[in-house]
PDB file of N, CA and C in Angstrom:
ATOM      1  N   MET A   1     109.416 104.172 103.985  1.00  0.00           N
ATOM      2  CA  MET A   1     110.410 105.228 104.087  1.00  0.00           C
ATOM      3  C   MET A   1     110.581 105.561 105.556  1.00  0.00           C
ATOM      4  N   ARG A   2     111.824 105.646 105.959  1.00  0.00           N
ATOM      5  CA  ARG A   2     112.171 105.985 107.337  1.00  0.00           C
ATOM      6  C   ARG A   2     113.382 106.901 107.312  1.00  0.00           C
ATOM      7  N   ALA A   3     113.394 107.881 108.221  1.00  0.00           N
ATOM      8  CA  ALA A   3     114.539 108.778 108.359  1.00  0.00           C
ATOM      9  C   ALA A   3     114.831 108.947 109.843  1.00  0.00           C
ATOM     10  N   GLN A   4     116.101 109.132 110.174  1.00  0.00           N
ATOM     11  CA  GLN A   4     116.514 109.268 111.560  1.00  0.00           C
ATOM     12  C   GLN A   4     117.506 110.406 111.721  1.00  0.00           C
ATOM     13  N   ALA A   5     117.446 111.035 112.890  1.00  0.00           N
ATOM     14  CA  ALA A   5     118.477 111.983 113.303  1.00  0.00           C
ATOM     15  C   ALA A   5     119.313 111.250 114.340  1.00  0.00           C
ATOM     16  N   ILE A   6     120.593 111.048 114.040  1.00  0.00           N
ATOM     17  CA  ILE A   6     121.454 110.223 114.882  1.00  0.00           C
ATOM     18  C   ILE A   6     122.616 111.047 115.411  1.00  0.00           C
ATOM     19  N   ASP A   7     122.939 110.847 116.680  1.00  0.00           N
ATOM     20  CA  ASP A   7     124.133 111.426 117.291  1.00  0.00           C
ATOM     21  C   ASP A   7     125.264 110.433 117.042  1.00  0.00           C
ATOM     22  N   ASP A   8     126.141 110.736 116.101  1.00  0.00           N
ATOM     23  CA  ASP A   8     127.221 109.810 115.728  1.00  0.00           C
ATOM     24  C   ASP A   8     128.238 109.618 116.846  1.00  0.00           C
ATOM     25  N   VAL A   9     128.448 110.626 117.652  1.00  0.00           N
ATOM     26  CA  VAL A   9     129.441 110.536 118.722  1.00  0.00           C
ATOM     27  C   VAL A   9     129.013 109.508 119.762  1.00  0.00           C
ATOM     28  N   ASN A  10     127.751 109.587 120.185  1.00  0.00           N
ATOM     29  CA  ASN A  10     127.254 108.682 121.225  1.00  0.00           C
ATOM     30  C   ASN A  10     126.520 107.474 120.662  1.00  0.00           C
ATOM     31  N   GLY A  11     126.266 107.451 119.366  1.00  0.00           N
ATOM     32  CA  GLY A  11     125.590 106.312 118.760  1.00  0.00           C
ATOM     33  C   GLY A  11     124.133 106.186 119.161  1.00  0.00           C
ATOM     34  N   ARG A  12     123.443 107.321 119.334  1.00  0.00           N
ATOM     35  CA  ARG A  12     122.039 107.317 119.753  1.00  0.00           C
ATOM     36  C   ARG A  12     121.156 107.918 118.677  1.00  0.00           C
ATOM     37  N   THR A  13     119.963 107.372 118.527  1.00  0.00           N
ATOM     38  CA  THR A  13     118.963 107.957 117.651  1.00  0.00           C
ATOM     39  C   THR A  13     118.239 109.039 118.431  1.00  0.00           C
ATOM     40  N   LEU A  14     118.267 110.263 117.921  1.00  0.00           N
ATOM     41  CA  LEU A  14     117.655 111.396 118.605  1.00  0.00           C
ATOM     42  C   LEU A  14     116.200 111.588 118.201  1.00  0.00           C
ATOM     43  N   ALA A  15     115.905 111.345 116.936  1.00  0.00           N
ATOM     44  CA  ALA A  15     114.541 111.469 116.427  1.00  0.00           C
ATOM     45  C   ALA A  15     114.412 110.575 115.205  1.00  0.00           C
ATOM     46  N   SER A  16     113.212 110.097 114.972  1.00  0.00           N
ATOM     47  CA  SER A  16     112.976 109.298 113.776  1.00  0.00           C
ATOM     48  C   SER A  16     111.563 109.553 113.280  1.00  0.00           C
ATOM     49  N   ALA A  17     111.376 109.321 111.998  1.00  0.00           N
ATOM     50  CA  ALA A  17     110.058 109.474 111.386  1.00  0.00           C
ATOM     51  C   ALA A  17     109.903 108.400 110.324  1.00  0.00           C
ATOM     52  N   SER A  18     108.685 107.952 110.162  1.00  0.00           N
ATOM     53  CA  SER A  18     108.380 106.912 109.195  1.00  0.00           C
ATOM     54  C   SER A  18     107.006 107.173 108.600  1.00  0.00           C
ATOM     55  N   VAL A  19     106.773 106.628 107.437  1.00  0.00           N
ATOM     56  CA  VAL A  19     105.464 106.738 106.809  1.00  0.00           C
ATOM     57  C   VAL A  19     104.416 106.081 107.694  1.00  0.00           C
ATOM     58  N   LYS A  20     104.791 105.047 108.392  1.00  0.00           N
ATOM     59  CA  LYS A  20     103.854 104.293 109.225  1.00  0.00           C
ATOM     60  C   LYS A  20     103.517 104.975 110.546  1.00  0.00           C
ATOM     61  N   ASP A  21     104.231 106.046 110.900  1.00  0.00           N
ATOM     62  CA  ASP A  21     103.996 106.722 112.170  1.00  0.00           C
ATOM     63  C   ASP A  21     102.643 107.416 112.227  1.00  0.00           C
ATOM     64  N   GLY A  22     102.127 107.856 111.109  1.00  0.00           N
ATOM     65  CA  GLY A  22     100.841 108.533 111.087  1.00  0.00           C
ATOM     66  C   GLY A  22     100.927 110.033 111.300  1.00  0.00           C
ATOM     67  N   ASP A  23     102.107 110.565 111.578  1.00  0.00           N
ATOM     68  CA  ASP A  23     102.241 112.010 111.780  1.00  0.00           C
ATOM     69  C   ASP A  23     102.755 112.696 110.525  1.00  0.00           C
ATOM     70  N   THR A  24     102.537 112.066 109.388  1.00  0.00           N
ATOM     71  CA  THR A  24     103.037 112.616 108.121  1.00  0.00           C
ATOM     72  C   THR A  24     101.864 113.039 107.251  1.00  0.00           C
ATOM     73  N   LYS A  25     100.964 113.839 107.786  1.00  0.00           N
ATOM     74  CA  LYS A  25      99.760 114.234 107.052  1.00  0.00           C
ATOM     75  C   LYS A  25      99.843 115.647 106.481  1.00  0.00           C
ATOM     76  N   ILE A  26     101.033 116.184 106.261  1.00  0.00           N
ATOM     77  CA  ILE A  26     101.166 117.541 105.756  1.00  0.00           C
ATOM     78  C   ILE A  26     101.069 117.559 104.231  1.00  0.00           C
ATOM     79  N   ASP A  27     100.869 118.732 103.673  1.00  0.00           N
ATOM     80  CA  ASP A  27     100.771 118.898 102.229  1.00  0.00           C
ATOM     81  C   ASP A  27     102.153 118.775 101.594  1.00  0.00           C
ATOM     82  N   ALA A  28     102.267 117.961 100.573  1.00  0.00           N
ATOM     83  CA  ALA A  28     103.554 117.735  99.914  1.00  0.00           C
ATOM     84  C   ALA A  28     103.684 118.520  98.619  1.00  0.00           C
ATOM     85  N   GLY A  29     102.805 119.462  98.392  1.00  0.00           N
ATOM     86  CA  GLY A  29     102.890 120.273  97.186  1.00  0.00           C
ATOM     87  C   GLY A  29     102.559 119.472  95.939  1.00  0.00           C
ATOM     88  N   GLU A  30     103.361 119.613  94.900  1.00  0.00           N
ATOM     89  CA  GLU A  30     103.113 118.935  93.629  1.00  0.00           C
ATOM     90  C   GLU A  30     103.573 117.479  93.628  1.00  0.00           C
ATOM     91  N   ARG A  31     104.278 117.069  94.664  1.00  0.00           N
ATOM     92  CA  ARG A  31     104.817 115.703  94.703  1.00  0.00           C
ATOM     93  C   ARG A  31     103.686 114.688  94.816  1.00  0.00           C
ATOM     94  N   LYS A  32     103.902 113.518  94.228  1.00  0.00           N
ATOM     95  CA  LYS A  32     102.899 112.459  94.278  1.00  0.00           C
ATOM     96  C   LYS A  32     103.562 111.139  94.651  1.00  0.00           C
ATOM     97  N   GLY A  33     102.778 110.226  95.148  1.00  0.00           N
ATOM     98  CA  GLY A  33     103.240 108.877  95.428  1.00  0.00           C
ATOM     99  C   GLY A  33     104.325 108.803  96.486  1.00  0.00           C
ATOM    100  N   LYS A  34     105.334 108.004  96.209  1.00  0.00           N
ATOM    101  CA  LYS A  34     106.405 107.769  97.179  1.00  0.00           C
ATOM    102  C   LYS A  34     107.275 108.994  97.395  1.00  0.00           C
ATOM    103  N   THR A  35     107.367 109.859  96.395  1.00  0.00           N
ATOM    104  CA  THR A  35     108.126 111.097  96.570  1.00  0.00           C
ATOM    105  C   THR A  35     107.420 112.005  97.564  1.00  0.00           C
ATOM    106  N   ALA A  36     106.100 112.047  97.532  1.00  0.00           N
ATOM    107  CA  ALA A  36     105.328 112.830  98.495  1.00  0.00           C
ATOM    108  C   ALA A  36     105.490 112.252  99.900  1.00  0.00           C
ATOM    109  N   GLU A  37     105.481 110.925 100.004  1.00  0.00           N
ATOM    110  CA  GLU A  37     105.695 110.287 101.311  1.00  0.00           C
ATOM    111  C   GLU A  37     107.077 110.641 101.861  1.00  0.00           C
ATOM    112  N   ALA A  38     108.084 110.629 101.011  1.00  0.00           N
ATOM    113  CA  ALA A  38     109.443 110.949 101.440  1.00  0.00           C
ATOM    114  C   ALA A  38     109.515 112.394 101.946  1.00  0.00           C
ATOM    115  N   TYR A  39     108.864 113.317 101.250  1.00  0.00           N
ATOM    116  CA  TYR A  39     108.829 114.712 101.686  1.00  0.00           C
ATOM    117  C   TYR A  39     108.192 114.825 103.066  1.00  0.00           C
ATOM    118  N   ARG A  40     107.082 114.138 103.258  1.00  0.00           N
ATOM    119  CA  ARG A  40     106.376 114.176 104.549  1.00  0.00           C
ATOM    120  C   ARG A  40     107.225 113.593 105.674  1.00  0.00           C
ATOM    121  N   VAL A  41     107.968 112.542 105.374  1.00  0.00           N
ATOM    122  CA  VAL A  41     108.861 111.945 106.380  1.00  0.00           C
ATOM    123  C   VAL A  41     109.944 112.940 106.780  1.00  0.00           C
ATOM    124  N   GLY A  42     110.533 113.609 105.804  1.00  0.00           N
ATOM    125  CA  GLY A  42     111.552 114.617 106.092  1.00  0.00           C
ATOM    126  C   GLY A  42     110.995 115.752 106.934  1.00  0.00           C
ATOM    127  N   TYR A  43     109.796 116.198 106.607  1.00  0.00           N
ATOM    128  CA  TYR A  43     109.164 117.288 107.360  1.00  0.00           C
ATOM    129  C   TYR A  43     108.865 116.852 108.796  1.00  0.00           C
ATOM    130  N   ALA A  44     108.325 115.647 108.950  1.00  0.00           N
ATOM    131  CA  ALA A  44     108.023 115.135 110.288  1.00  0.00           C
ATOM    132  C   ALA A  44     109.288 114.961 111.114  1.00  0.00           C
ATOM    133  N   LEU A  45     110.365 114.512 110.497  1.00  0.00           N
ATOM    134  CA  LEU A  45     111.637 114.370 111.202  1.00  0.00           C
ATOM    135  C   LEU A  45     112.127 115.726 111.688  1.00  0.00           C
ATOM    136  N   ALA A  46     112.016 116.737 110.847  1.00  0.00           N
ATOM    137  CA  ALA A  46     112.440 118.081 111.241  1.00  0.00           C
ATOM    138  C   ALA A  46     111.619 118.594 112.420  1.00  0.00           C
ATOM    139  N   GLN A  47     110.329 118.320 112.421  1.00  0.00           N
ATOM    140  CA  GLN A  47     109.475 118.770 113.525  1.00  0.00           C
ATOM    141  C   GLN A  47     109.866 118.078 114.833  1.00  0.00           C
ATOM    142  N   LYS A  48     110.145 116.794 114.769  1.00  0.00           N
ATOM    143  CA  LYS A  48     110.565 116.056 115.968  1.00  0.00           C
ATOM    144  C   LYS A  48     111.931 116.533 116.456  1.00  0.00           C
ATOM    145  N   ALA A  49     112.832 116.833 115.524  1.00  0.00           N
ATOM    146  CA  ALA A  49     114.154 117.334 115.905  1.00  0.00           C
ATOM    147  C   ALA A  49     114.041 118.716 116.535  1.00  0.00           C
ATOM    148  N   LYS A  50     113.198 119.570 115.969  1.00  0.00           N
ATOM    149  CA  LYS A  50     113.005 120.908 116.527  1.00  0.00           C
ATOM    150  C   LYS A  50     112.424 120.846 117.929  1.00  0.00           C
ATOM    151  N   ALA A  51     111.575 119.856 118.192  1.00  0.00           N
ATOM    152  CA  ALA A  51     110.999 119.697 119.525  1.00  0.00           C
ATOM    153  C   ALA A  51     112.080 119.382 120.554  1.00  0.00           C
ATOM    154  N   GLN A  52     113.197 118.805 120.095  1.00  0.00           N
ATOM    155  CA  GLN A  52     114.326 118.508 120.983  1.00  0.00           C
ATOM    156  C   GLN A  52     115.411 119.571 120.881  1.00  0.00           C
ATOM    157  N   LYS A  53     115.067 120.716 120.275  1.00  0.00           N
ATOM    158  CA  LYS A  53     115.966 121.862 120.127  1.00  0.00           C
ATOM    159  C   LYS A  53     117.159 121.575 119.212  1.00  0.00           C
ATOM    160  N   ILE A  54     116.974 120.703 118.236  1.00  0.00           N
ATOM    161  CA  ILE A  54     117.987 120.431 117.221  1.00  0.00           C
ATOM    162  C   ILE A  54     117.630 121.271 116.001  1.00  0.00           C
ATOM    163  N   THR A  55     118.534 122.157 115.596  1.00  0.00           N
ATOM    164  CA  THR A  55     118.242 123.041 114.468  1.00  0.00           C
ATOM    165  C   THR A  55     119.143 122.796 113.265  1.00  0.00           C
ATOM    166  N   ALA A  56     120.288 122.174 113.477  1.00  0.00           N
ATOM    167  CA  ALA A  56     121.229 121.932 112.386  1.00  0.00           C
ATOM    168  C   ALA A  56     121.640 120.463 112.374  1.00  0.00           C
ATOM    169  N   ALA A  57     121.882 119.966 111.174  1.00  0.00           N
ATOM    170  CA  ALA A  57     122.261 118.560 111.030  1.00  0.00           C
ATOM    171  C   ALA A  57     123.108 118.389 109.773  1.00  0.00           C
ATOM    172  N   VAL A  58     123.710 117.236 109.636  1.00  0.00           N
ATOM    173  CA  VAL A  58     124.429 116.853 108.427  1.00  0.00           C
ATOM    174  C   VAL A  58     123.570 115.806 107.728  1.00  0.00           C
ATOM    175  N   PHE A  59     123.311 115.999 106.446  1.00  0.00           N
ATOM    176  CA  PHE A  59     122.466 115.074 105.699  1.00  0.00           C
ATOM    177  C   PHE A  59     123.338 113.996 105.087  1.00  0.00           C
ATOM    178  N   ASP A  60     123.215 112.782 105.602  1.00  0.00           N
ATOM    179  CA  ASP A  60     123.962 111.631 105.081  1.00  0.00           C
ATOM    180  C   ASP A  60     123.000 110.800 104.243  1.00  0.00           C
ATOM    181  N   ARG A  61     123.235 110.771 102.959  1.00  0.00           N
ATOM    182  CA  ARG A  61     122.324 110.070 102.063  1.00  0.00           C
ATOM    183  C   ARG A  61     122.649 108.597 101.932  1.00  0.00           C
ATOM    184  N   GLY A  62     123.613 108.126 102.693  1.00  0.00           N
ATOM    185  CA  GLY A  62     123.915 106.708 102.747  1.00  0.00           C
ATOM    186  C   GLY A  62     124.349 106.093 101.436  1.00  0.00           C
ATOM    187  N   GLY A  63     125.034 106.845 100.601  1.00  0.00           N
ATOM    188  CA  GLY A  63     125.510 106.300  99.340  1.00  0.00           C
ATOM    189  C   GLY A  63     124.526 106.410  98.197  1.00  0.00           C
ATOM    190  N   TYR A  64     123.284 106.828  98.490  1.00  0.00           N
ATOM    191  CA  TYR A  64     122.291 106.975  97.437  1.00  0.00           C
ATOM    192  C   TYR A  64     122.494 108.304  96.707  1.00  0.00           C
ATOM    193  N   ARG A  65     122.159 108.338  95.437  1.00  0.00           N
ATOM    194  CA  ARG A  65     122.264 109.576  94.660  1.00  0.00           C
ATOM    195  C   ARG A  65     121.249 110.583  95.173  1.00  0.00           C
ATOM    196  N   TYR A  66     121.585 111.863  95.069  1.00  0.00           N
ATOM    197  CA  TYR A  66     120.715 112.931  95.559  1.00  0.00           C
ATOM    198  C   TYR A  66     119.702 113.299  94.474  1.00  0.00           C
ATOM    199  N   HIS A  67     118.645 112.516  94.387  1.00  0.00           N
ATOM    200  CA  HIS A  67     117.529 112.808  93.492  1.00  0.00           C
ATOM    201  C   HIS A  67     116.344 111.981  93.943  1.00  0.00           C
ATOM    202  N   GLY A  68     115.198 112.256  93.419  1.00  0.00           N
ATOM    203  CA  GLY A  68     114.008 111.485  93.740  1.00  0.00           C
ATOM    204  C   GLY A  68     113.620 111.559  95.203  1.00  0.00           C
ATOM    205  N   ARG A  69     113.441 110.395  95.812  1.00  0.00           N
ATOM    206  CA  ARG A  69     112.987 110.330  97.196  1.00  0.00           C
ATOM    207  C   ARG A  69     114.008 110.865  98.185  1.00  0.00           C
ATOM    208  N   VAL A  70     115.287 110.646  97.922  1.00  0.00           N
ATOM    209  CA  VAL A  70     116.331 111.164  98.811  1.00  0.00           C
ATOM    210  C   VAL A  70     116.276 112.693  98.827  1.00  0.00           C
ATOM    211  N   GLN A  71     116.128 113.281  97.666  1.00  0.00           N
ATOM    212  CA  GLN A  71     116.020 114.732  97.565  1.00  0.00           C
ATOM    213  C   GLN A  71     114.746 115.224  98.259  1.00  0.00           C
ATOM    214  N   ALA A  72     113.657 114.491  98.120  1.00  0.00           N
ATOM    215  CA  ALA A  72     112.397 114.888  98.739  1.00  0.00           C
ATOM    216  C   ALA A  72     112.499 114.878 100.263  1.00  0.00           C
ATOM    217  N   VAL A  73     113.204 113.914 100.836  1.00  0.00           N
ATOM    218  CA  VAL A  73     113.409 113.883 102.286  1.00  0.00           C
ATOM    219  C   VAL A  73     114.171 115.127 102.726  1.00  0.00           C
ATOM    220  N   ALA A  74     115.225 115.462 101.998  1.00  0.00           N
ATOM    221  CA  ALA A  74     116.027 116.639 102.339  1.00  0.00           C
ATOM    222  C   ALA A  74     115.203 117.921 102.228  1.00  0.00           C
ATOM    223  N   GLU A  75     114.408 118.045 101.171  1.00  0.00           N
ATOM    224  CA  GLU A  75     113.575 119.235 101.006  1.00  0.00           C
ATOM    225  C   GLU A  75     112.536 119.346 102.112  1.00  0.00           C
ATOM    226  N   GLY A  76     111.943 118.225 102.489  1.00  0.00           N
ATOM    227  CA  GLY A  76     110.970 118.234 103.582  1.00  0.00           C
ATOM    228  C   GLY A  76     111.598 118.640 104.901  1.00  0.00           C
ATOM    229  N   ALA A  77     112.792 118.134 105.165  1.00  0.00           N
ATOM    230  CA  ALA A  77     113.487 118.481 106.405  1.00  0.00           C
ATOM    231  C   ALA A  77     113.853 119.967 106.420  1.00  0.00           C
ATOM    232  N   ARG A  78     114.298 120.483 105.282  1.00  0.00           N
ATOM    233  CA  ARG A  78     114.617 121.917 105.203  1.00  0.00           C
ATOM    234  C   ARG A  78     113.369 122.756 105.405  1.00  0.00           C
ATOM    235  N   ASP A  79     112.275 122.374 104.755  1.00  0.00           N
ATOM    236  CA  ASP A  79     111.013 123.116 104.912  1.00  0.00           C
ATOM    237  C   ASP A  79     110.486 123.005 106.334  1.00  0.00           C
ATOM    238  N   GLY A  80     110.845 121.930 107.018  1.00  0.00           N
ATOM    239  CA  GLY A  80     110.439 121.742 108.400  1.00  0.00           C
ATOM    240  C   GLY A  80     111.289 122.540 109.386  1.00  0.00           C
ATOM    241  N   GLY A  81     112.412 123.086 108.933  1.00  0.00           N
ATOM    242  CA  GLY A  81     113.212 123.948 109.794  1.00  0.00           C
ATOM    243  C   GLY A  81     114.625 123.485 110.071  1.00  0.00           C
ATOM    244  N   LEU A  82     115.028 122.321 109.570  1.00  0.00           N
ATOM    245  CA  LEU A  82     116.410 121.881 109.787  1.00  0.00           C
ATOM    246  C   LEU A  82     117.345 122.575 108.810  1.00  0.00           C
ATOM    247  N   VAL A  83     118.552 122.856 109.261  1.00  0.00           N
ATOM    248  CA  VAL A  83     119.577 123.472 108.423  1.00  0.00           C
ATOM    249  C   VAL A  83     120.664 122.429 108.182  1.00  0.00           C
ATOM    250  N   PHE A  84     120.989 122.198 106.914  1.00  0.00           N
ATOM    251  CA  PHE A  84     122.047 121.246 106.562  1.00  0.00           C
ATOM    252  C   PHE A  84     123.303 122.004 106.260  1.00  0.00           C
TER     253      PHE A  84
END
């Protein structure tokens, strides 16, 4: 699982988070397995974005339905402080 904050105007990646980064060790609540990993990725992305003073974003789910892991990423990012 990987998530990115991208500046569409300039085509630059501003922040990214992945399960493999190792900075996704937060509590995911009742979530288990890959859904918990997705939540942690969203939370880590929000923390990295906040470090760059990014507080608001548009959530592009890339054509995927808003449920399961996609929803968990969004919830993690919101809990991390990003506003969609």
